[in-house]
Amino acid sequence: MWFALSSITYGMLSAFDPLIFIYIAYMLNVNGIYMGILSAAWSITYILCNKLLGSLADDGHNKVLAVLALISIIPIPILLNNLNYLTAFLAYILHSVAMAFLNLALSITLLESIESSYWNRVNMLNRIINNVSRGLTLILMALFGLRMLNKALYATLFMLSIATIALPQIYISFERKFYSIEKTLNRIGMYVKATSSLLYLDQPKIAIEVFSRIWSSSEMISPIRILISAAGAVALGDYIFTIIPLIMKEKLQLTSMWIVYGISATTSAIIALAVNNIESSGTRKAFLLFLLRLSILVLGFNLLTDIISLTLYVILSSTLFMILDIILYNTYVGVQAGFGTSSYFIARELGSIVGSILGGMAICLGLHNFLLLAIVIGLAMSVPLII
């Protein structure tokens, strides 16, 4: 029960990222630089929260983090009711604080309450429930209009209160430590097996083949390379999507934008659910997904003219990003034995800062240069997955 409730609540809260961001773009007279700074500020706040309180997550204080998320949401409706450049900025920042704390609380609860052999599958299921909840929240908001914005925030506050109570208390950080010990033993076993190649020293070709087969079967990607690519995937997306509300402002109504993002989130979750074993895919498959998403974002940008083209564009991008993020996160969790997950979230938001600021500035240089820089970002940040 706690798993479904927490995942649904997180999805509802995450829906307010595009809700508030697009709302600000439509209701205030802002430009690309303001939106870029706003998005970057969200990410900086998210990073600081993870950096300052990541140790709470590693120590298993999931309920404390959930309560902090709850407190952060309370002022947002008041700020949105008195919207100006400052209150808009503060409301969006407080949403970042709530997201950071709840994400830490949920991720650490999953890693400690679920057996490590099921981590990949459960993390994927969590992302899928998040996206469905996020998508339905956006669609409902679009259908009922702006008058429901504050009511939806209060509903999220209520759900988070129940989820906080329902979260299982973590008394001892056992599962991650056990998995870490298991990994160490497996690594020692790999060295022992690799020495079996010494039996074939009189036959060098066979010795090399035996050693290479055993060593390569246990080889793991560096966590730094995973973090670089995770940052790059987010940077590329935020580079493009920071500008889209401003481009579509004259073509679509505010509620239409919410519907697009809602349908896209729900559809991407359904597609991800239909794909077999994506949670266990390797980094080479992640590299191909990275390049495919880059191609779609760049080639499809000039085709955004109406709600249908934008919906297809966002669906393809969100689906590929969701699958890519699941692969990278599961790979990182496996390499790190479930510890230091805050570093992964920090890396993603560093990418968001870079992407948001560059996107807001680069659009002033013209569309050609804007898309050219997107290609450079995508190619440079995907390479660590294959080197």
Protein backbone atom coordinates (compact mmCIF):
# COMPACT_ATOMS: atom_id res chain seq x y z
CA MET A 1 0.00 0.00 0.00
CA TRP A 2 2.72 2.49 0.95
CA PHE A 3 4.49 1.91 -2.37
CA ALA A 4 1.49 2.69 -4.58
CA LEU A 5 0.40 5.61 -2.39
CA SER A 6 3.86 7.18 -2.32
CA SER A 7 4.42 6.72 -6.05
CA ILE A 8 1.03 8.27 -6.89
CA THR A 9 1.71 11.21 -4.55
CA TYR A 10 5.15 11.79 -6.05
CA GLY A 11 3.60 11.79 -9.53
CA MET A 12 0.99 14.35 -8.43
CA LEU A 13 3.66 16.60 -6.96
CA SER A 14 5.89 16.29 -10.04
CA ALA A 15 2.97 17.41 -12.22
CA PHE A 16 3.28 20.87 -10.69
CA ASP A 17 6.66 21.31 -12.33
CA PRO A 18 5.18 21.87 -15.83
CA LEU A 19 1.95 23.23 -14.32
CA ILE A 20 3.64 26.08 -12.48
CA PHE A 21 6.37 26.61 -15.11
CA ILE A 22 3.93 26.94 -18.01
CA TYR A 23 1.50 28.95 -15.85
CA ILE A 24 4.25 31.52 -15.17
CA ALA A 25 5.21 31.66 -18.87
CA TYR A 26 1.60 32.39 -19.86
CA MET A 27 0.49 34.67 -17.02
CA LEU A 28 3.55 36.94 -16.76
CA ASN A 29 5.31 38.93 -19.46
CA VAL A 30 8.58 36.97 -19.38
CA ASN A 31 11.30 36.14 -21.91
CA GLY A 32 13.59 33.17 -22.55
CA ILE A 33 16.28 34.45 -20.18
CA TYR A 34 13.84 34.70 -17.24
CA MET A 35 12.49 31.21 -17.94
CA GLY A 36 16.02 29.85 -18.23
CA ILE A 37 17.03 31.43 -14.92
CA LEU A 38 13.82 30.16 -13.29
CA SER A 39 14.47 26.61 -14.44
CA ALA A 40 18.12 26.82 -13.39
CA ALA A 41 17.13 28.14 -9.95
CA TRP A 42 14.81 25.15 -9.51
CA SER A 43 17.74 22.84 -10.23
CA ILE A 44 20.19 24.70 -8.00
CA THR A 45 17.72 24.46 -5.11
CA TYR A 46 17.19 20.77 -5.81
CA ILE A 47 20.96 20.18 -5.75
CA LEU A 48 21.44 22.07 -2.49
CA CYS A 49 18.66 20.08 -0.83
CA ASN A 50 20.20 16.80 -1.97
CA LYS A 51 23.66 17.90 -0.94
CA LEU A 52 22.65 19.16 2.48
CA LEU A 53 20.26 16.37 3.41
CA GLY A 54 21.52 13.44 1.33
CA SER A 55 23.12 12.07 4.50
CA LEU A 56 19.66 11.88 6.09
CA ALA A 57 18.62 9.58 3.27
CA ASP A 58 21.71 7.39 3.60
CA ASP A 59 21.02 7.13 7.34
CA GLY A 60 17.44 6.00 6.66
CA HIS A 61 15.50 9.06 7.92
CA ASN A 62 12.78 8.73 5.30
CA LYS A 63 9.92 10.09 7.40
CA VAL A 64 11.83 13.25 8.34
CA LEU A 65 12.42 13.96 4.64
CA ALA A 66 8.74 13.36 3.83
CA VAL A 67 7.66 15.82 6.55
CA LEU A 68 10.05 18.45 5.18
CA ALA A 69 8.50 17.97 1.73
CA LEU A 70 5.07 18.44 3.28
CA ILE A 71 6.04 21.73 4.96
CA SER A 72 7.57 23.06 1.72
CA ILE A 73 4.30 22.77 -0.20
CA ILE A 74 2.14 24.78 2.23
CA PRO A 75 3.11 28.34 1.09
CA ILE A 76 2.85 27.64 -2.66
CA PRO A 77 -0.94 28.29 -3.08
CA ILE A 78 -0.60 31.65 -1.28
CA LEU A 79 2.27 32.71 -3.54
CA LEU A 80 0.41 31.73 -6.73
CA ASN A 81 -2.64 33.71 -5.60
CA ASN A 82 -0.45 36.85 -5.56
CA LEU A 83 1.50 36.23 -8.74
CA ASN A 84 4.37 38.50 -9.74
CA TYR A 85 7.99 37.95 -10.74
CA LEU A 86 9.09 37.36 -7.15
CA THR A 87 6.21 35.21 -5.90
CA ALA A 88 6.38 33.12 -9.09
CA PHE A 89 10.08 32.55 -8.46
CA LEU A 90 9.51 31.59 -4.80
CA ALA A 91 6.63 29.23 -5.58
CA TYR A 92 8.67 27.37 -8.17
CA ILE A 93 11.66 27.15 -5.80
CA LEU A 94 9.53 25.73 -2.98
CA HIS A 95 8.23 23.11 -5.39
CA SER A 96 11.85 22.13 -6.03
CA VAL A 97 12.47 21.76 -2.28
CA ALA A 98 9.42 19.54 -1.87
CA MET A 99 10.41 17.39 -4.86
CA ALA A 100 13.98 16.93 -3.60
CA PHE A 101 12.93 15.85 -0.11
CA LEU A 102 10.15 13.54 -1.29
CA ASN A 103 12.37 11.95 -3.93
CA LEU A 104 15.04 11.19 -1.34
CA ALA A 105 12.46 9.80 1.07
CA LEU A 106 10.88 7.54 -1.53
CA SER A 107 14.11 6.31 -3.12
CA ILE A 108 15.68 5.33 0.20
CA THR A 109 12.47 3.62 1.35
CA LEU A 110 12.41 1.53 -1.82
CA LEU A 111 16.06 0.53 -1.51
CA GLU A 112 15.73 -0.49 2.15
CA SER A 113 12.27 -2.10 2.02
CA ILE A 114 12.68 -4.08 -1.20
CA GLU A 115 15.04 -7.01 -1.70
CA SER A 116 18.01 -5.97 -3.86
CA SER A 117 17.23 -8.56 -6.55
CA TYR A 118 13.98 -6.67 -7.23
CA TRP A 119 15.44 -3.14 -7.22
CA ASN A 120 15.51 -2.77 -11.00
CA ARG A 121 11.94 -3.92 -11.50
CA VAL A 122 10.54 -1.90 -8.60
CA ASN A 123 12.37 1.27 -9.66
CA MET A 124 10.90 0.92 -13.13
CA LEU A 125 7.39 0.32 -11.71
CA ASN A 126 7.81 3.37 -9.50
CA ARG A 127 8.67 5.55 -12.53
CA ILE A 128 5.69 4.20 -14.45
CA ILE A 129 3.24 4.93 -11.61
CA ASN A 130 4.83 8.38 -11.21
CA ASN A 131 4.28 9.18 -14.87
CA VAL A 132 0.68 7.91 -14.97
CA SER A 133 -0.17 9.93 -11.86
CA ARG A 134 1.63 12.98 -13.25
CA GLY A 135 -0.14 12.68 -16.59
CA LEU A 136 -3.63 12.26 -15.12
CA THR A 137 -3.07 15.23 -12.79
CA LEU A 138 -2.10 17.43 -15.74
CA ILE A 139 -5.08 16.28 -17.80
CA LEU A 140 -7.54 16.88 -14.94
CA MET A 141 -6.07 20.33 -14.38
CA ALA A 142 -6.50 21.14 -18.06
CA LEU A 143 -10.13 19.98 -18.01
CA PHE A 144 -11.13 21.87 -14.87
CA GLY A 145 -9.06 24.99 -15.57
CA LEU A 146 -7.04 27.45 -13.52
CA ARG A 147 -9.60 27.63 -10.73
CA MET A 148 -8.54 24.13 -9.69
CA LEU A 149 -4.81 24.89 -9.36
CA ASN A 150 -4.85 25.63 -5.63
CA LYS A 151 -7.35 22.86 -4.93
CA ALA A 152 -5.04 20.41 -6.68
CA LEU A 153 -2.16 21.62 -4.50
CA TYR A 154 -4.24 21.04 -1.35
CA ALA A 155 -5.19 17.57 -2.63
CA THR A 156 -1.51 16.80 -3.12
CA LEU A 157 -0.81 18.07 0.39
CA PHE A 158 -3.47 15.72 1.77
CA MET A 159 -2.09 12.74 -0.18
CA LEU A 160 1.44 13.50 1.00
CA SER A 161 0.25 13.60 4.62
CA ILE A 162 -1.19 10.10 4.29
CA ALA A 163 1.86 8.83 2.39
CA THR A 164 4.17 10.16 5.11
CA ILE A 165 2.24 8.21 7.74
CA ALA A 166 2.16 5.09 5.56
CA LEU A 167 5.92 5.04 4.80
CA PRO A 168 7.59 2.17 6.68
CA GLN A 169 10.01 3.33 9.34
CA ILE A 170 13.64 2.41 8.58
CA TYR A 171 15.38 1.35 11.77
CA ILE A 172 18.49 -0.30 10.35
CA SER A 173 20.01 0.24 6.88
CA PHE A 174 20.36 -3.48 6.17
CA GLU A 175 19.47 -4.20 2.55
CA ARG A 176 22.00 -1.84 0.94
CA LYS A 177 24.80 -2.96 3.26
CA PHE A 178 24.02 -6.61 2.54
CA TYR A 179 24.06 -5.91 -1.20
CA SER A 180 27.39 -4.10 -0.85
CA ILE A 181 28.91 -7.11 0.94
CA GLU A 182 27.50 -9.43 -1.73
CA LYS A 183 29.07 -7.28 -4.46
CA THR A 184 32.45 -7.35 -2.71
CA LEU A 185 32.33 -11.15 -2.42
CA ASN A 186 31.38 -11.45 -6.09
CA ARG A 187 34.31 -9.22 -7.00
CA ILE A 188 36.70 -11.38 -4.98
CA GLY A 189 35.24 -14.45 -6.67
CA MET A 190 35.91 -12.83 -10.06
CA TYR A 191 39.61 -12.41 -9.22
CA VAL A 192 39.79 -16.03 -8.08
CA LYS A 193 38.16 -17.23 -11.29
CA ALA A 194 40.44 -15.02 -13.38
CA THR A 195 43.47 -16.78 -11.94
CA SER A 196 42.22 -19.97 -13.59
CA SER A 197 43.79 -18.61 -16.78
CA LEU A 198 47.17 -19.44 -15.21
CA LEU A 199 46.39 -23.11 -15.82
CA TYR A 200 46.80 -22.45 -19.54
CA LEU A 201 50.11 -20.58 -19.50
CA ASP A 202 51.56 -23.16 -21.83
CA GLN A 203 48.77 -22.24 -24.27
CA PRO A 204 48.79 -18.40 -24.38
CA LYS A 205 45.77 -18.03 -26.68
CA ILE A 206 43.54 -20.10 -24.42
CA ALA A 207 44.86 -18.30 -21.31
CA ILE A 208 43.99 -14.90 -22.79
CA GLU A 209 40.55 -16.11 -23.87
CA VAL A 210 39.71 -17.51 -20.41
CA PHE A 211 40.96 -14.37 -18.62
CA SER A 212 39.13 -11.98 -20.98
CA ARG A 213 35.85 -13.88 -20.77
CA ILE A 214 35.80 -13.93 -16.96
CA TRP A 215 37.03 -10.35 -16.54
CA SER A 216 34.68 -8.80 -19.08
CA SER A 217 31.68 -10.61 -17.56
CA SER A 218 32.19 -8.70 -14.31
CA GLU A 219 33.36 -5.37 -15.71
CA MET A 220 31.32 -2.38 -14.55
CA ILE A 221 31.03 1.10 -15.94
CA SER A 222 32.47 3.93 -13.85
CA PRO A 223 29.80 5.77 -11.80
CA ILE A 224 31.26 9.09 -13.00
CA ARG A 225 30.49 8.19 -16.61
CA ILE A 226 26.91 7.33 -15.66
CA LEU A 227 26.50 10.67 -13.87
CA ILE A 228 27.91 12.61 -16.85
CA SER A 229 25.46 10.97 -19.24
CA ALA A 230 22.54 11.41 -16.83
CA ALA A 231 23.39 15.10 -16.60
CA GLY A 232 23.65 15.28 -20.39
CA ALA A 233 20.27 13.64 -20.97
CA VAL A 234 18.56 16.20 -18.72
CA ALA A 235 20.60 19.11 -20.13
CA LEU A 236 19.49 18.27 -23.66
CA GLY A 237 15.82 18.04 -22.69
CA ASP A 238 15.78 21.23 -20.60
CA TYR A 239 17.71 23.09 -23.31
CA ILE A 240 14.79 22.43 -25.68
CA PHE A 241 11.78 22.42 -23.33
CA THR A 242 12.69 25.66 -21.55
CA ILE A 243 11.90 27.46 -24.80
CA ILE A 244 8.84 25.53 -25.97
CA PRO A 245 6.24 27.35 -23.78
CA LEU A 246 7.41 30.67 -25.23
CA ILE A 247 7.30 29.35 -28.80
CA MET A 248 3.85 27.78 -28.42
CA LYS A 249 2.38 30.65 -26.38
CA GLU A 250 0.83 32.25 -29.46
CA LYS A 251 -0.37 28.94 -30.92
CA LEU A 252 -1.91 27.09 -27.98
CA GLN A 253 -3.90 27.96 -24.87
CA LEU A 254 -2.44 27.32 -21.43
CA THR A 255 -4.79 24.38 -20.75
CA SER A 256 -3.89 22.84 -24.12
CA MET A 257 -0.23 22.82 -23.07
CA TRP A 258 -1.16 21.02 -19.86
CA ILE A 259 -3.12 18.42 -21.84
CA VAL A 260 -0.12 17.82 -24.11
CA TYR A 261 2.20 17.21 -21.16
CA GLY A 262 -0.43 15.09 -19.40
CA ILE A 263 -1.08 12.82 -22.38
CA SER A 264 2.66 12.53 -23.00
CA ALA A 265 3.45 11.49 -19.41
CA THR A 266 0.70 8.86 -19.35
CA THR A 267 1.50 7.49 -22.80
CA SER A 268 5.24 7.23 -22.11
CA ALA A 269 4.50 5.21 -18.96
CA ILE A 270 2.28 2.78 -20.90
CA ILE A 271 4.91 2.36 -23.62
CA ALA A 272 7.66 1.76 -21.04
CA LEU A 273 5.48 -0.85 -19.34
CA ALA A 274 5.04 -2.67 -22.64
CA VAL A 275 8.78 -2.87 -23.35
CA ASN A 276 10.34 -6.03 -21.89
CA ASN A 277 13.35 -5.91 -19.54
CA ILE A 278 14.21 -2.25 -20.15
CA GLU A 279 15.19 -1.90 -16.50
CA SER A 280 18.11 -4.31 -17.01
CA SER A 281 19.43 -2.92 -20.29
CA GLY A 282 23.09 -1.95 -20.59
CA THR A 283 24.83 1.33 -21.26
CA ARG A 284 25.28 0.65 -25.00
CA LYS A 285 21.53 0.49 -25.42
CA ALA A 286 21.33 3.70 -23.38
CA PHE A 287 23.78 5.32 -25.83
CA LEU A 288 21.57 4.42 -28.81
CA LEU A 289 18.49 5.78 -27.00
CA PHE A 290 20.39 8.99 -26.28
CA LEU A 291 21.21 9.48 -29.97
CA LEU A 292 17.66 8.63 -31.06
CA ARG A 293 16.20 11.19 -28.66
CA LEU A 294 18.72 13.80 -29.83
CA SER A 295 17.67 13.23 -33.45
CA ILE A 296 13.96 13.57 -32.62
CA LEU A 297 14.42 16.74 -30.54
CA VAL A 298 16.47 18.48 -33.23
CA LEU A 299 14.68 17.31 -36.37
CA GLY A 300 11.19 17.70 -34.91
CA PHE A 301 11.66 21.17 -33.46
CA ASN A 302 10.83 22.99 -36.69
CA LEU A 303 7.67 20.91 -37.12
CA LEU A 304 5.94 22.21 -33.98
CA THR A 305 2.91 24.03 -35.33
CA ASP A 306 -0.14 22.71 -33.48
CA ILE A 307 -1.30 20.55 -30.57
CA ILE A 308 -0.91 17.27 -32.51
CA SER A 309 2.68 17.87 -33.58
CA LEU A 310 3.62 19.05 -30.08
CA THR A 311 1.95 16.03 -28.46
CA LEU A 312 3.81 13.56 -30.69
CA TYR A 313 7.06 15.45 -30.10
CA VAL A 314 6.70 15.40 -26.31
CA ILE A 315 5.52 11.76 -26.22
CA LEU A 316 8.57 10.56 -28.16
CA SER A 317 10.98 12.65 -26.11
CA SER A 318 9.44 11.73 -22.73
CA THR A 319 9.27 8.02 -23.54
CA LEU A 320 12.89 7.85 -24.63
CA PHE A 321 14.03 9.91 -21.66
CA MET A 322 12.06 7.78 -19.21
CA ILE A 323 13.58 4.55 -20.54
CA LEU A 324 17.06 6.10 -20.67
CA ASP A 325 16.76 7.44 -17.12
CA ILE A 326 15.57 4.06 -15.79
CA ILE A 327 18.57 2.32 -17.38
CA LEU A 328 21.08 4.86 -16.08
CA TYR A 329 19.59 5.03 -12.59
CA ASN A 330 19.43 1.24 -12.18
CA THR A 331 23.00 0.92 -13.46
CA TYR A 332 24.16 3.57 -10.98
CA VAL A 333 22.30 1.96 -8.07
CA GLY A 334 23.90 -1.38 -8.94
CA VAL A 335 27.40 0.07 -9.13
CA GLN A 336 26.98 2.01 -5.87
CA ALA A 337 25.09 -0.74 -3.98
CA GLY A 338 22.20 1.66 -3.38
CA PHE A 339 24.27 4.28 -1.52
CA GLY A 340 24.75 7.89 -2.61
CA THR A 341 21.61 8.05 -4.76
CA SER A 342 21.53 11.80 -4.07
CA SER A 343 24.61 12.12 -6.32
CA TYR A 344 22.58 10.82 -9.25
CA PHE A 345 19.80 13.35 -8.61
CA ILE A 346 22.38 16.13 -8.22
CA ALA A 347 23.99 15.20 -11.55
CA ARG A 348 20.62 15.36 -13.29
CA GLU A 349 19.92 18.83 -11.91
CA LEU A 350 23.38 20.08 -12.82
CA GLY A 351 22.46 19.09 -16.34
CA SER A 352 19.18 20.95 -15.98
CA ILE A 353 20.99 24.13 -14.90
CA VAL A 354 23.32 24.00 -17.89
CA GLY A 355 20.53 23.13 -20.32
CA SER A 356 18.08 25.74 -19.04
CA ILE A 357 20.52 28.64 -19.06
CA LEU A 358 22.05 27.71 -22.42
CA GLY A 359 18.61 27.22 -23.97
CA GLY A 360 17.34 30.59 -22.74
CA MET A 361 20.42 32.35 -24.11
CA ALA A 362 20.99 30.35 -27.31
CA ILE A 363 17.53 31.00 -28.73
CA CYS A 364 18.57 34.67 -28.95
CA LEU A 365 21.30 33.62 -31.43
CA GLY A 366 18.80 32.31 -33.97
CA LEU A 367 17.15 28.94 -34.57
CA HIS A 368 20.02 27.46 -36.60
CA ASN A 369 22.62 28.12 -33.89
CA PHE A 370 20.16 27.01 -31.20
CA LEU A 371 19.71 23.57 -32.79
CA LEU A 372 23.40 23.26 -33.64
CA LEU A 373 24.33 23.72 -29.98
CA ALA A 374 21.73 21.08 -29.05
CA ILE A 375 23.54 18.59 -31.28
CA VAL A 376 26.89 19.45 -29.68
CA ILE A 377 25.46 18.95 -26.16
CA GLY A 378 23.85 15.65 -27.08
CA LEU A 379 26.90 14.13 -28.76
CA ALA A 380 29.37 15.30 -26.12
CA MET A 381 27.35 13.99 -23.18
CA SER A 382 26.44 10.61 -24.71
CA VAL A 383 30.02 9.54 -25.51
CA PRO A 384 30.90 8.51 -21.88
CA LEU A 385 28.46 5.62 -22.24
CA ILE A 386 30.63 3.84 -24.81
CA ILE A 387 34.23 4.82 -24.01
